[in-house]
Amino acid sequence: MKKMTNPAMLLFLLTSGLCANAQTTKHLSIEEAISLGIQNSNSLKIDQAKIEQATAGYIEAKNRQLPELKLTGMAAALTNAKVDMKMAQQGSDPSSFPIPHSAYLGSANLSYPVYTGGKISYGIQSATYLQQAAKLQLENNKSAVSYNISQAYNNLYKASQAIKLLEENLKAAQERDKQFLRLESNGIIPKNDRLKASLQTSELELQLLDAKNNYKIASINMDLLIGLPDSTQLEVDDAYVKDNNTLNSLGYYLDNAKTLRKDLEALSLKRKAAEMGTKSAKAEHLPTVALTGGYIAADLPKVISMYNVANIGVGINYNLDNLWKKNSALTKAKANEMELEATNDMLNDQITLEVNRDYQNVVLANNRIEVLERAVEQANENYRITKNKFNNGLATMTELLDADAIQIATNINVTNAKADAALANKKLKQTAGLL
């Protein structure tokens, strides 16, 4: 028996499939891309977790300056307990004393630190510096994420512009092929020349296919970076390369890097935390003093009961083994300080190198634009002259097609150069702490 399918159901399934495969188109500016990227960055979520860990360390350090209160309770069964009442009357028969079979004890002990050699205050200061350093590291990584998003956006922009230029030139080439076909039919140009033009048109079609493929890959990469569904079709902002790319002096960027780089500031705070660690390690040789108080209640049934036994006093703790044991904690703390000092010097050298390198890259990128813009003017003029010569029979088809290919290549090159200059400018700003 054949199963009949409802035509309306077929139409519904077909429509559902088309809707499922439909892509959402979104216009995206570089600023919006960076904002979404920062919101959805997994690496920044890890940095946020590190801030929470540092905050927990700060709370733990603060708790050490608060009093400690401990409650203890015990109930025990006794076996063959021997009771010797020292205060019993002389001549009393010990065998007449009751034998306890259980014991109950409860106590409360309070301790408040008065003097710890500064270890508590040093710990709080160190935890504060580390908490602030974790927050600064998050800000520094935001700058890195912003630049990574800019790189992806730059690739997307170049791919989209290549598609526009190639589509325009392909349309012109297809119109030219129609014209050459008519000229061949009228016997004005040979078939070989017409085929040369068609071959170049096919080459443009292949370049356009590659450009569209690059755009799809760049679009998916951007979707994943900023937390959008990977099926979202993105449209870039044409004003991306028109941003203000004014270049200041090299000293301007070096000065800003020394004062605005968050990683350098975070390292400075880590060094301060290490100094507190060294002071705390030195305090290990000092005694600690605390106010103490307590309450005890005990009951041995049929033998003795004690209640309201309270005490208050001062407790002093000093480890005598500090007199002959080497302070390994102090050695580790000093080594940590030395390591951070060397890291600081390395980072300063690295920043100087990075700023100089990125500054020169911006200068180079701007110079390349000037050279390529002149090349575009020359290529356009060369094509115009060659086309006039061809129309007058003074140039070959090969010369015309070569002039056209050069014109297309120079236009793509200058577009890419402008995009790369905008990206180089953002890299310089990141290095200088301005992004």
Protein backbone atom coordinates (compact mmCIF):
# COMPACT_ATOMS: atom_id res chain seq x y z
CA MET A 1 0.00 0.00 0.00
CA LYS A 2 1.42 3.37 -1.03
CA LYS A 3 1.53 6.13 1.58
CA MET A 4 0.12 9.43 0.30
CA THR A 5 1.87 12.63 1.32
CA ASN A 6 -0.11 15.78 1.99
CA PRO A 7 0.98 18.57 -0.45
CA ALA A 8 0.57 21.15 2.31
CA MET A 9 2.95 19.15 4.51
CA LEU A 10 5.53 19.07 1.70
CA LEU A 11 5.26 22.83 1.30
CA PHE A 12 5.66 23.30 5.06
CA LEU A 13 8.78 21.11 5.22
CA LEU A 14 10.33 22.87 2.23
CA THR A 15 9.66 26.30 3.72
CA SER A 16 11.03 25.22 7.11
CA GLY A 17 14.23 23.99 5.49
CA LEU A 18 14.71 27.27 3.65
CA CYS A 19 14.13 29.29 6.81
CA ALA A 20 16.56 27.13 8.76
CA ASN A 21 19.27 27.78 6.20
CA ALA A 22 18.52 31.50 5.91
CA GLN A 23 21.31 33.78 7.06
CA THR A 24 20.90 36.85 9.20
CA THR A 25 22.65 39.94 7.86
CA LYS A 26 24.14 42.39 10.36
CA HIS A 27 25.91 45.69 9.72
CA LEU A 28 28.92 45.82 12.02
CA SER A 29 31.19 48.75 12.86
CA ILE A 30 34.66 48.26 14.32
CA GLU A 31 33.54 49.82 17.62
CA GLU A 32 30.58 47.43 17.94
CA ALA A 33 32.79 44.47 17.06
CA ILE A 34 35.26 45.36 19.80
CA SER A 35 32.48 45.87 22.34
CA LEU A 36 30.88 42.49 21.56
CA GLY A 37 34.28 40.79 21.54
CA ILE A 38 35.11 42.07 25.01
CA GLN A 39 31.71 40.99 26.35
CA ASN A 40 32.05 37.45 25.02
CA SER A 41 35.79 36.84 25.39
CA ASN A 42 36.53 33.60 27.23
CA SER A 43 40.05 34.77 28.07
CA LEU A 44 38.62 37.84 29.82
CA LYS A 45 36.23 35.60 31.76
CA ILE A 46 39.29 33.73 33.03
CA ASP A 47 40.85 37.06 34.07
CA GLN A 48 37.64 37.94 35.92
CA ALA A 49 37.88 34.65 37.81
CA LYS A 50 41.45 35.54 38.78
CA ILE A 51 40.17 38.83 40.22
CA GLU A 52 37.69 36.85 42.32
CA GLN A 53 40.54 34.65 43.55
CA ALA A 54 42.62 37.71 44.46
CA THR A 55 39.60 39.19 46.27
CA ALA A 56 39.24 35.99 48.26
CA GLY A 57 42.93 36.27 49.23
CA TYR A 58 42.33 39.83 50.42
CA ILE A 59 39.33 38.76 52.52
CA GLU A 60 41.38 35.93 54.01
CA ALA A 61 44.17 38.37 54.95
CA LYS A 62 41.66 40.75 56.56
CA ASN A 63 40.12 37.91 58.57
CA ARG A 64 43.45 37.29 60.30
CA GLN A 65 43.11 40.54 62.28
CA LEU A 66 39.75 39.46 63.73
CA PRO A 67 39.42 37.52 67.01
CA GLU A 68 39.15 33.73 66.91
CA LEU A 69 36.45 31.97 68.94
CA LYS A 70 36.52 28.19 69.30
CA LEU A 71 33.92 26.01 71.02
CA THR A 72 34.77 22.50 72.16
CA GLY A 73 32.45 19.84 73.55
CA MET A 74 33.19 16.27 74.62
CA ALA A 75 31.28 13.36 76.06
CA ALA A 76 33.25 10.21 76.91
CA ALA A 77 32.65 6.83 78.51
CA LEU A 78 35.22 5.85 81.16
CA THR A 79 36.41 2.36 82.03
CA ASN A 80 37.79 1.39 85.45
CA ALA A 81 38.51 4.98 86.36
CA LYS A 82 40.67 5.42 89.44
CA VAL A 83 39.72 8.48 91.46
CA ASP A 84 42.18 9.85 94.01
CA MET A 85 40.61 12.76 95.88
CA LYS A 86 43.63 14.68 97.20
CA MET A 87 41.40 16.91 99.26
CA ALA A 88 39.66 14.02 100.98
CA GLN A 89 39.95 13.74 104.75
CA GLN A 90 42.87 11.77 106.11
CA GLY A 91 41.96 8.22 106.90
CA SER A 92 39.13 8.03 104.44
CA ASP A 93 38.75 4.74 102.69
CA PRO A 94 39.42 5.27 98.92
CA SER A 95 37.23 2.30 98.09
CA SER A 96 34.26 4.25 99.37
CA PHE A 97 34.69 6.93 96.66
CA PRO A 98 32.27 6.63 93.75
CA ILE A 99 33.79 5.51 90.43
CA PRO A 100 32.71 7.67 87.41
CA HIS A 101 31.74 5.86 84.21
CA SER A 102 31.39 8.98 82.02
CA ALA A 103 32.80 12.46 81.66
CA TYR A 104 31.50 15.66 80.03
CA LEU A 105 33.58 18.68 79.09
CA GLY A 106 32.75 21.94 77.35
CA SER A 107 34.95 24.95 76.69
CA ALA A 108 35.05 28.23 74.81
CA ASN A 109 38.33 29.92 73.93
CA LEU A 110 38.75 33.43 72.56
CA SER A 111 42.02 34.79 71.14
CA TYR A 112 42.60 38.30 69.80
CA PRO A 113 45.95 39.12 68.13
CA VAL A 114 47.64 42.17 69.63
CA TYR A 115 51.13 41.93 68.14
CA THR A 116 52.29 39.65 65.32
CA GLY A 117 55.42 41.45 64.20
CA GLY A 118 53.46 43.11 61.39
CA LYS A 119 52.67 39.86 59.58
CA ILE A 120 48.92 40.55 59.49
CA SER A 121 49.23 44.13 58.20
CA TYR A 122 51.87 43.08 55.65
CA GLY A 123 49.58 40.29 54.47
CA ILE A 124 46.67 42.70 54.03
CA GLN A 125 48.80 45.17 52.06
CA SER A 126 50.19 42.39 49.88
CA ALA A 127 46.71 41.01 49.15
CA THR A 128 45.51 44.52 48.28
CA TYR A 129 48.31 44.99 45.76
CA LEU A 130 47.65 41.59 44.18
CA GLN A 131 43.93 42.34 43.90
CA GLN A 132 44.66 45.64 42.15
CA ALA A 133 47.21 43.92 39.90
CA ALA A 134 44.62 41.34 38.82
CA LYS A 135 42.21 44.12 37.84
CA LEU A 136 44.91 45.90 35.84
CA GLN A 137 45.82 42.65 34.09
CA LEU A 138 42.19 42.37 33.00
CA GLU A 139 42.34 45.87 31.52
CA ASN A 140 45.59 45.03 29.74
CA ASN A 141 44.07 41.90 28.25
CA LYS A 142 41.04 43.89 27.12
CA SER A 143 43.42 45.92 24.99
CA ALA A 144 44.87 42.72 23.51
CA VAL A 145 41.38 41.39 22.76
CA SER A 146 40.47 44.70 21.11
CA TYR A 147 43.45 44.42 18.79
CA ASN A 148 42.65 40.78 17.94
CA ILE A 149 39.11 41.85 17.00
CA SER A 150 40.58 44.66 14.91
CA GLN A 151 42.75 42.16 13.04
CA ALA A 152 39.74 39.99 12.25
CA TYR A 153 37.72 43.04 11.20
CA ASN A 154 40.59 44.17 8.97
CA ASN A 155 40.61 40.81 7.18
CA LEU A 156 36.85 40.98 6.76
CA TYR A 157 37.05 44.50 5.35
CA LYS A 158 39.77 43.63 2.82
CA ALA A 159 37.85 40.58 1.64
CA SER A 160 34.64 42.60 1.19
CA GLN A 161 36.42 45.36 -0.72
CA ALA A 162 38.11 42.82 -2.99
CA ILE A 163 34.69 41.37 -3.81
CA LYS A 164 33.32 44.82 -4.75
CA LEU A 165 36.29 45.68 -6.98
CA LEU A 166 36.31 42.29 -8.68
CA GLU A 167 32.55 42.33 -9.26
CA GLU A 168 32.79 45.77 -10.89
CA ASN A 169 35.67 44.70 -13.12
CA LEU A 170 34.05 41.36 -13.96
CA LYS A 171 30.90 43.16 -15.08
CA ALA A 172 32.99 45.47 -17.27
CA ALA A 173 34.93 42.48 -18.65
CA GLN A 174 31.73 40.63 -19.52
CA GLU A 175 30.45 43.70 -21.40
CA ARG A 176 33.79 43.90 -23.18
CA ASP A 177 33.51 40.22 -24.18
CA LYS A 178 30.12 40.93 -25.76
CA GLN A 179 31.60 43.84 -27.69
CA PHE A 180 34.58 41.79 -28.86
CA LEU A 181 32.24 39.00 -29.95
CA ARG A 182 30.42 41.46 -32.18
CA LEU A 183 33.74 42.76 -33.53
CA GLU A 184 34.81 39.19 -34.29
CA SER A 185 31.52 38.49 -36.06
CA ASN A 186 32.12 41.55 -38.24
CA GLY A 187 35.67 40.42 -38.97
CA ILE A 188 37.28 43.40 -37.25
CA ILE A 189 39.32 41.38 -34.70
CA PRO A 190 40.57 37.80 -34.95
CA LYS A 191 39.08 35.01 -32.85
CA ASN A 192 42.36 34.60 -31.01
CA ASP A 193 42.14 38.12 -29.57
CA ARG A 194 38.56 37.59 -28.50
CA LEU A 195 39.57 34.36 -26.74
CA LYS A 196 42.39 36.18 -24.90
CA ALA A 197 39.83 38.62 -23.48
CA SER A 198 37.49 35.76 -22.50
CA LEU A 199 40.38 34.02 -20.76
CA GLN A 200 41.06 37.11 -18.65
CA THR A 201 37.35 37.28 -17.78
CA SER A 202 37.52 33.67 -16.56
CA GLU A 203 40.54 34.59 -14.46
CA LEU A 204 38.53 37.40 -12.86
CA GLU A 205 35.75 34.93 -12.09
CA LEU A 206 38.24 32.67 -10.31
CA GLN A 207 39.64 35.59 -8.32
CA LEU A 208 36.10 36.55 -7.31
CA LEU A 209 35.39 32.99 -6.14
CA ASP A 210 38.54 33.08 -3.98
CA ALA A 211 37.58 36.50 -2.58
CA LYS A 212 34.09 35.29 -1.65
CA ASN A 213 35.54 32.19 0.00
CA ASN A 214 37.97 34.34 2.00
CA TYR A 215 35.08 36.58 3.03
CA LYS A 216 33.01 33.63 4.27
CA ILE A 217 35.91 32.32 6.36
CA ALA A 218 36.66 35.80 7.76
CA SER A 219 32.96 36.29 8.55
CA ILE A 220 32.71 33.00 10.46
CA ASN A 221 35.89 33.83 12.36
CA MET A 222 34.47 37.23 13.33
CA ASP A 223 31.13 35.69 14.36
CA LEU A 224 32.90 33.29 16.72
CA LEU A 225 35.13 36.02 18.17
CA ILE A 226 32.26 38.35 19.05
CA GLY A 227 29.76 35.70 20.14
CA LEU A 228 27.32 35.77 17.20
CA PRO A 229 25.85 32.67 15.50
CA ASP A 230 28.31 31.49 12.86
CA SER A 231 25.57 31.79 10.22
CA THR A 232 25.38 35.58 10.65
CA GLN A 233 26.33 37.40 7.46
CA LEU A 234 28.31 40.51 8.36
CA GLU A 235 28.49 43.80 6.50
CA VAL A 236 31.52 45.95 7.34
CA ASP A 237 31.57 49.70 7.68
CA ASP A 238 33.15 51.46 4.69
CA ALA A 239 34.29 54.24 7.05
CA TYR A 240 36.70 51.82 8.74
CA VAL A 241 39.72 53.19 6.84
CA LYS A 242 38.54 56.78 7.22
CA ASP A 243 39.22 56.86 10.96
CA ASN A 244 41.56 59.54 12.27
CA ASN A 245 45.02 58.07 11.79
CA THR A 246 46.98 61.18 12.81
CA LEU A 247 50.50 60.16 13.76
CA ASN A 248 52.11 61.92 16.71
CA SER A 249 55.80 61.98 17.56
CA LEU A 250 57.62 58.84 18.67
CA GLY A 251 58.26 60.40 22.10
CA TYR A 252 54.53 60.88 22.58
CA TYR A 253 53.89 57.15 22.27
CA LEU A 254 56.91 56.19 24.40
CA ASP A 255 55.83 58.52 27.22
CA ASN A 256 52.27 57.19 27.14
CA ALA A 257 53.48 53.60 27.17
CA LYS A 258 55.51 54.19 30.35
CA THR A 259 52.49 55.65 32.15
CA LEU A 260 49.46 53.94 30.59
CA ARG A 261 50.51 50.34 29.99
CA LYS A 262 48.41 48.30 32.40
CA ASP A 263 50.77 45.33 32.39
CA LEU A 264 53.62 47.58 33.53
CA GLU A 265 51.45 49.05 36.28
CA ALA A 266 50.30 45.56 37.33
CA LEU A 267 53.91 44.42 37.58
CA SER A 268 54.71 47.41 39.76
CA LEU A 269 51.96 46.36 42.17
CA LYS A 270 53.22 42.77 42.19
CA ARG A 271 56.65 44.11 43.17
CA LYS A 272 55.08 46.01 46.07
CA ALA A 273 53.27 42.84 47.13
CA ALA A 274 56.62 41.00 47.04
CA GLU A 275 58.15 43.66 49.31
CA MET A 276 55.37 43.05 51.80
CA GLY A 277 56.08 39.34 51.54
CA THR A 278 59.71 39.95 52.44
CA LYS A 279 58.76 42.04 55.47
CA SER A 280 56.30 39.36 56.55
CA ALA A 281 59.00 36.68 56.24
CA LYS A 282 61.35 38.75 58.42
CA ALA A 283 58.64 38.94 61.06
CA GLU A 284 58.77 35.15 61.46
CA HIS A 285 61.63 35.67 63.99
CA LEU A 286 59.46 37.86 66.21
CA PRO A 287 57.14 36.67 68.99
CA THR A 288 53.36 37.03 68.81
CA VAL A 289 51.15 38.37 71.57
CA ALA A 290 47.41 37.82 71.92
CA LEU A 291 44.69 38.54 74.46
CA THR A 292 43.06 35.30 75.52
CA GLY A 293 39.87 34.43 77.31
CA GLY A 294 37.99 31.26 77.99
CA TYR A 295 35.20 29.39 79.73
CA ILE A 296 35.25 25.78 80.96
CA ALA A 297 32.49 23.50 82.24
CA ALA A 298 33.13 19.89 83.32
CA ASP A 299 31.10 17.12 84.90
CA LEU A 300 32.16 13.73 86.24
CA PRO A 301 28.89 12.29 87.55
CA LYS A 302 28.94 11.43 91.29
CA VAL A 303 32.48 12.82 91.54
CA ILE A 304 32.83 16.50 90.62
CA SER A 305 31.14 19.26 88.66
CA MET A 306 32.65 22.58 87.57
CA TYR A 307 30.74 25.50 86.04
CA ASN A 308 31.41 29.16 85.33
CA VAL A 309 35.18 28.59 85.24
CA ALA A 310 36.23 31.65 83.24
CA ASN A 311 39.71 32.97 82.51
CA ILE A 312 41.32 35.95 80.83
CA GLY A 313 44.98 36.66 80.17
CA VAL A 314 47.76 37.34 77.73
CA GLY A 315 49.33 34.65 75.57
CA ILE A 316 52.85 34.89 74.13
CA ASN A 317 54.12 32.55 71.43
CA TYR A 318 57.73 32.35 70.27
CA ASN A 319 59.37 29.58 68.32
CA LEU A 320 62.81 29.01 69.80
CA ASP A 321 63.85 26.94 66.78
CA ASN A 322 64.06 30.23 64.87
CA LEU A 323 67.35 30.76 66.68
CA TRP A 324 69.09 27.97 64.74
CA LYS A 325 66.86 27.36 61.70
CA LYS A 326 67.49 29.40 58.56
CA ASN A 327 64.51 31.50 57.44
CA SER A 328 63.70 29.81 54.12
CA ALA A 329 60.57 31.92 53.68
CA LEU A 330 62.76 35.05 53.70
CA THR A 331 65.10 33.55 51.11
CA LYS A 332 62.15 32.73 48.83
CA ALA A 333 60.67 36.21 49.28
CA LYS A 334 63.95 37.93 48.37
CA ALA A 335 64.33 35.68 45.31
CA ASN A 336 60.80 36.61 44.25
CA GLU A 337 61.69 40.30 44.54
CA MET A 338 64.79 39.80 42.40
CA GLU A 339 62.80 37.94 39.75
CA LEU A 340 60.13 40.65 39.55
CA GLU A 341 62.78 43.38 39.34
CA ALA A 342 64.42 41.62 36.39
CA THR A 343 61.00 41.08 34.79
CA ASN A 344 60.29 44.79 35.16
CA ASP A 345 63.53 45.72 33.38
CA MET A 346 62.77 43.24 30.59
CA LEU A 347 59.23 44.59 30.17
CA ASN A 348 60.48 48.18 29.93
CA ASP A 349 62.97 47.16 27.23
CA GLN A 350 60.27 45.21 25.43
CA ILE A 351 57.88 48.18 25.50
CA THR A 352 60.55 50.49 24.08
CA LEU A 353 61.22 48.03 21.26
CA GLU A 354 57.53 47.44 20.53
CA VAL A 355 56.68 51.15 20.40
CA ASN A 356 59.60 51.88 18.06
CA ARG A 357 58.72 48.91 15.85
CA ASP A 358 55.01 49.72 15.63
CA TYR A 359 55.72 53.41 15.05
CA GLN A 360 57.96 52.57 12.09
CA ASN A 361 55.30 50.18 10.78
CA VAL A 362 52.75 53.01 10.76
CA VAL A 363 55.20 55.30 8.94
CA LEU A 364 55.84 52.54 6.41
CA ALA A 365 52.12 51.85 5.95
CA ASN A 366 51.40 55.54 5.28
CA ASN A 367 54.28 55.76 2.81
CA ARG A 368 53.01 52.66 1.00
CA ILE A 369 49.62 54.32 0.57
CA GLU A 370 51.22 57.35 -1.06
CA VAL A 371 53.24 55.19 -3.46
CA LEU A 372 50.27 52.95 -4.32
CA GLU A 373 47.93 55.91 -4.90
CA ARG A 374 50.43 57.22 -7.45
CA ALA A 375 50.55 53.74 -8.95
CA VAL A 376 46.75 53.76 -9.29
CA GLU A 377 46.86 57.08 -11.12
CA GLN A 378 49.58 55.75 -13.40
CA ALA A 379 47.74 52.46 -14.02
CA ASN A 380 44.49 54.27 -14.84
CA GLU A 381 46.25 56.60 -17.24
CA ASN A 382 48.17 53.72 -18.79
CA TYR A 383 44.93 51.84 -19.39
CA ARG A 384 43.26 54.89 -20.92
CA ILE A 385 46.16 55.45 -23.32
CA THR A 386 46.45 51.77 -24.22
CA LYS A 387 42.71 51.53 -24.87
CA ASN A 388 42.85 54.55 -27.20
CA LYS A 389 45.78 52.97 -29.04
CA PHE A 390 43.91 49.68 -29.31
CA ASN A 391 40.84 51.41 -30.69
CA ASN A 392 43.08 53.04 -33.31
CA GLY A 393 44.92 49.82 -34.12
CA LEU A 394 48.17 50.93 -32.46
CA ALA A 395 48.18 48.47 -29.57
CA THR A 396 47.64 44.73 -29.36
CA MET A 397 44.98 42.88 -27.41
CA THR A 398 47.70 41.54 -25.08
CA GLU A 399 48.83 45.09 -24.21
CA LEU A 400 45.24 46.13 -23.51
CA LEU A 401 44.56 43.14 -21.26
CA ASP A 402 47.85 43.63 -19.41
CA ALA A 403 47.00 47.28 -18.78
CA ASP A 404 43.57 46.24 -17.46
CA ALA A 405 45.08 43.60 -15.13
CA ILE A 406 47.57 46.12 -13.74
CA GLN A 407 44.76 48.60 -13.14
CA ILE A 408 42.73 46.03 -11.18
CA ALA A 409 45.74 44.90 -9.12
CA THR A 410 46.79 48.44 -8.15
CA ASN A 411 43.25 49.33 -7.03
CA ILE A 412 43.09 46.23 -4.82
CA ASN A 413 46.58 46.93 -3.47
CA VAL A 414 45.78 50.51 -2.44
CA THR A 415 42.56 49.39 -0.72
CA ASN A 416 44.45 46.72 1.23
CA ALA A 417 47.20 49.22 2.09
CA LYS A 418 44.68 51.65 3.61
CA ALA A 419 43.18 48.86 5.70
CA ASP A 420 46.61 47.69 6.85
CA ALA A 421 47.54 51.28 7.77
CA ALA A 422 44.43 51.54 9.94
CA LEU A 423 45.35 48.25 11.65
CA ALA A 424 48.98 49.35 12.13
CA ASN A 425 47.72 52.51 13.81
CA LYS A 426 45.60 50.45 16.21
CA LYS A 427 48.58 48.23 17.00
CA LEU A 428 50.65 51.31 17.87
CA LYS A 429 47.87 52.56 20.13
CA GLN A 430 47.69 49.19 21.87
CA THR A 431 51.46 49.14 22.42
CA ALA A 432 51.34 52.67 23.83
CA GLY A 433 48.43 51.87 26.14
CA LEU A 434 46.02 54.09 24.19
CA LEU A 435 43.69 51.41 22.80
